[in-house]
Amino acid sequence: MTEFQDVNYWLKPIGTADDNKKCFKNKDFEAFVQMCFEMNECQFKHKTEQIKKGDILICYLSGLQQIIFVSEITEAKNNFKYSEAERRKNPAKKRWPYYAKVKGIESKGLLLSKNIYLRDLKKNYFNDTESERFLSLKKDKDFKRIRQRDRLQLDPDFAAFVLNEIKK
C-alpha cells in the first residue's frame, strides 16, 4: 500500500443499485467490476475536500453491497471536477461531477469470488468485539450515513477488520 501516515479509510459505493442489478442479471458483472478496478478515477457526488493522497477506498457495489476491490487515492484536490462539456456528454459524470485519481491495489485483486458483503462484515465485527466499537469516525453502528454522502469514513478498527477479512 502506501508509506503515508494518517491514512483514512473510506467505504465507497460504486454504480447505482439498478445498474448493478442489471449487470448481474445480464452476466456483465465481472466485466463491469474489472472496468471499475482498472479506472484511474473514482467519481464522487460531493466535493472531495476530506480525501487525500494515500487514503484507501474500500469499494462495494450499490444495491448488492458486495465488496469488490480496494483502491488507493493517488491524487485528490477539492477542485477536481469534470468540465461542463464532459458532464453534458456523460450521465455518470453529471451525477458524480467530482473525482479523485486512484489505482487499484493489485495485491488485493478483485474480490468477487470471496462474496464479502457489508451486512456480514457488520454482524461479524460486532460479534467479535466489545459494544463500544463503531463502523465510522462519526460513531455510527450502521451504514445509513453513506446515503447522505457518497462515502463513509471508517473507524480505523473497523477498517482493519475489513481488510483482514479481505486477506483471508
Protein backbone atom coordinates (compact mmCIF):
# COMPACT_ATOMS: atom_id res chain seq x y z
CA MET A 1 0.00 0.00 0.00
CA THR A 2 1.31 3.41 0.88
CA GLU A 3 4.05 4.75 3.07
CA PHE A 4 1.86 7.63 4.30
CA GLN A 5 0.92 8.00 7.92
CA ASP A 6 -2.53 9.16 8.95
CA VAL A 7 -4.24 7.20 6.20
CA ASN A 8 -8.02 7.44 6.18
CA TYR A 9 -10.16 4.52 5.11
CA TRP A 10 -13.35 5.15 3.19
CA LEU A 11 -16.26 2.91 2.28
CA LYS A 12 -17.24 3.86 -1.28
CA PRO A 13 -20.31 2.68 -3.20
CA ILE A 14 -19.80 2.01 -6.92
CA GLY A 15 -22.55 2.41 -9.51
CA THR A 16 -26.27 2.56 -8.87
CA ALA A 17 -28.35 -0.20 -7.35
CA ASP A 18 -30.44 -0.57 -10.52
CA ASP A 19 -27.46 -0.62 -12.89
CA ASN A 20 -25.58 -3.12 -10.75
CA LYS A 21 -28.57 -5.46 -10.57
CA LYS A 22 -28.97 -5.26 -14.38
CA CYS A 23 -25.27 -6.09 -14.86
CA PHE A 24 -25.61 -9.04 -12.53
CA LYS A 25 -28.65 -10.40 -14.39
CA ASN A 26 -27.01 -9.87 -17.81
CA LYS A 27 -23.78 -11.61 -16.78
CA ASP A 28 -21.85 -8.35 -17.40
CA PHE A 29 -20.94 -8.30 -13.75
CA GLU A 30 -17.29 -9.37 -13.94
CA ALA A 31 -16.56 -7.10 -16.92
CA PHE A 32 -18.11 -4.13 -15.09
CA VAL A 33 -16.11 -4.78 -11.92
CA GLN A 34 -12.89 -5.24 -13.92
CA MET A 35 -13.51 -1.94 -15.72
CA CYS A 36 -14.08 -0.14 -12.39
CA PHE A 37 -10.94 -1.66 -10.89
CA GLU A 38 -8.80 -0.53 -13.85
CA MET A 39 -10.12 3.04 -13.95
CA ASN A 40 -7.72 5.72 -12.79
CA GLU A 41 -10.52 7.89 -11.41
CA CYS A 42 -13.18 7.43 -8.77
CA GLN A 43 -16.25 9.62 -9.05
CA PHE A 44 -17.98 11.42 -6.19
CA LYS A 45 -21.25 13.27 -5.87
CA HIS A 46 -19.83 15.80 -3.41
CA LYS A 47 -16.56 17.71 -3.11
CA THR A 48 -13.61 15.63 -2.02
CA GLU A 49 -12.01 18.04 0.45
CA GLN A 50 -11.63 15.35 3.14
CA ILE A 51 -9.97 12.81 0.85
CA LYS A 52 -6.20 12.94 0.45
CA LYS A 53 -3.38 11.18 -1.31
CA GLY A 54 -2.69 7.80 0.27
CA ASP A 55 -6.22 7.27 1.58
CA ILE A 56 -7.77 3.88 0.91
CA LEU A 57 -11.17 3.27 -0.70
CA ILE A 58 -12.92 0.01 0.10
CA CYS A 59 -15.32 -0.18 -2.82
CA TYR A 60 -18.61 -2.05 -2.90
CA LEU A 61 -21.46 -2.43 -5.37
CA SER A 62 -24.51 -0.31 -4.55
CA GLY A 63 -27.63 -2.38 -4.12
CA LEU A 64 -25.78 -5.69 -3.84
CA GLN A 65 -23.49 -4.32 -1.10
CA GLN A 66 -20.70 -6.68 -2.10
CA ILE A 67 -17.10 -5.57 -1.58
CA ILE A 68 -15.40 -5.72 -4.98
CA PHE A 69 -11.98 -4.10 -4.70
CA VAL A 70 -9.68 -1.79 -2.78
CA SER A 71 -8.15 1.35 -4.29
CA GLU A 72 -5.61 3.89 -3.15
CA ILE A 73 -6.01 7.63 -3.76
CA THR A 74 -3.05 8.81 -5.84
CA GLU A 75 -4.16 12.43 -6.23
CA ALA A 76 -7.06 14.34 -4.71
CA LYS A 77 -7.92 18.00 -4.89
CA ASN A 78 -11.10 19.72 -3.84
CA ASN A 79 -11.36 21.27 -7.30
CA PHE A 80 -11.18 18.04 -9.34
CA LYS A 81 -14.45 18.46 -11.19
CA TYR A 82 -15.43 17.39 -14.68
CA SER A 83 -15.98 20.19 -17.17
CA GLU A 84 -19.50 21.21 -18.13
CA ALA A 85 -18.96 19.66 -21.58
CA GLU A 86 -17.89 16.32 -20.05
CA ARG A 87 -20.94 16.32 -17.77
CA ARG A 88 -23.31 17.00 -20.68
CA LYS A 89 -21.85 14.09 -22.69
CA ASN A 90 -21.69 11.54 -19.89
CA PRO A 91 -24.63 10.97 -17.49
CA ALA A 92 -22.36 9.37 -14.87
CA LYS A 93 -20.14 12.46 -14.80
CA LYS A 94 -23.23 14.63 -14.42
CA ARG A 95 -24.44 12.57 -11.46
CA TRP A 96 -20.96 12.32 -9.90
CA PRO A 97 -19.15 15.52 -11.03
CA TYR A 98 -16.17 15.34 -8.63
CA TYR A 99 -13.35 12.84 -8.81
CA ALA A 100 -10.05 11.73 -7.34
CA LYS A 101 -7.29 9.84 -9.10
CA VAL A 102 -6.90 6.27 -7.89
CA LYS A 103 -5.15 3.00 -8.54
CA GLY A 104 -6.47 -0.43 -7.77
CA ILE A 105 -4.32 -2.20 -5.22
CA GLU A 106 -3.09 -5.20 -7.18
CA SER A 107 -2.16 -7.33 -4.20
CA LYS A 108 -5.80 -7.41 -3.11
CA GLY A 109 -7.09 -8.22 -6.59
CA LEU A 110 -10.73 -8.47 -7.41
CA LEU A 111 -12.87 -9.81 -4.64
CA LEU A 112 -15.92 -11.16 -6.47
CA SER A 113 -15.21 -14.77 -5.65
CA LYS A 114 -14.88 -14.03 -1.95
CA ASN A 115 -18.52 -12.92 -1.56
CA ILE A 116 -17.80 -10.32 1.13
CA TYR A 117 -20.96 -8.36 1.98
CA LEU A 118 -21.39 -5.29 4.19
CA ARG A 119 -24.16 -6.86 6.28
CA ASP A 120 -21.90 -9.82 7.14
CA LEU A 121 -18.95 -7.59 7.97
CA LYS A 122 -21.08 -5.51 10.32
CA LYS A 123 -22.58 -8.58 12.01
CA ASN A 124 -19.22 -10.31 12.47
CA TYR A 125 -17.50 -7.13 13.65
CA PHE A 126 -19.96 -6.57 16.46
CA ASN A 127 -19.98 -10.29 17.35
CA ASP A 128 -16.19 -10.29 17.69
CA THR A 129 -15.73 -7.02 19.57
CA GLU A 130 -17.00 -5.11 22.53
CA SER A 131 -20.02 -2.85 22.08
CA GLU A 132 -18.02 0.38 22.31
CA ARG A 133 -16.76 -0.05 18.74
CA PHE A 134 -18.12 1.82 15.75
CA LEU A 135 -18.17 1.50 11.96
CA SER A 136 -17.35 5.14 11.25
CA LEU A 137 -15.45 8.02 12.80
CA LYS A 138 -18.83 9.67 13.48
CA LYS A 139 -19.60 6.78 15.84
CA ASP A 140 -22.13 5.08 13.56
CA LYS A 141 -23.15 1.49 14.19
CA ASP A 142 -24.75 1.20 10.74
CA PHE A 143 -24.13 2.38 7.17
CA LYS A 144 -27.06 4.84 6.92
CA ARG A 145 -24.86 7.94 6.79
CA ILE A 146 -23.41 6.83 3.44
CA ARG A 147 -26.74 7.82 1.88
CA GLN A 148 -26.11 11.47 2.78
CA ARG A 149 -22.71 11.48 1.14
CA ASP A 150 -21.25 9.04 -1.34
CA ARG A 151 -18.66 7.73 1.06
CA LEU A 152 -18.22 6.90 4.72
CA GLN A 153 -15.02 7.48 6.66
CA LEU A 154 -14.40 4.27 8.54
CA ASP A 155 -13.30 3.86 12.11
CA PRO A 156 -9.68 2.60 11.93
CA ASP A 157 -10.51 -0.56 13.92
CA PHE A 158 -13.38 -1.44 11.59
CA ALA A 159 -11.20 -0.68 8.54
CA ALA A 160 -8.53 -3.06 9.88
CA PHE A 161 -11.21 -5.71 10.47
CA VAL A 162 -12.50 -5.35 6.88
CA LEU A 163 -9.00 -5.52 5.38
CA ASN A 164 -8.26 -8.64 7.46
CA GLU A 165 -11.46 -10.26 6.18
CA ILE A 166 -10.40 -9.43 2.63
CA LYS A 167 -6.98 -11.04 3.15
CA LYS A 168 -8.48 -14.35 4.34
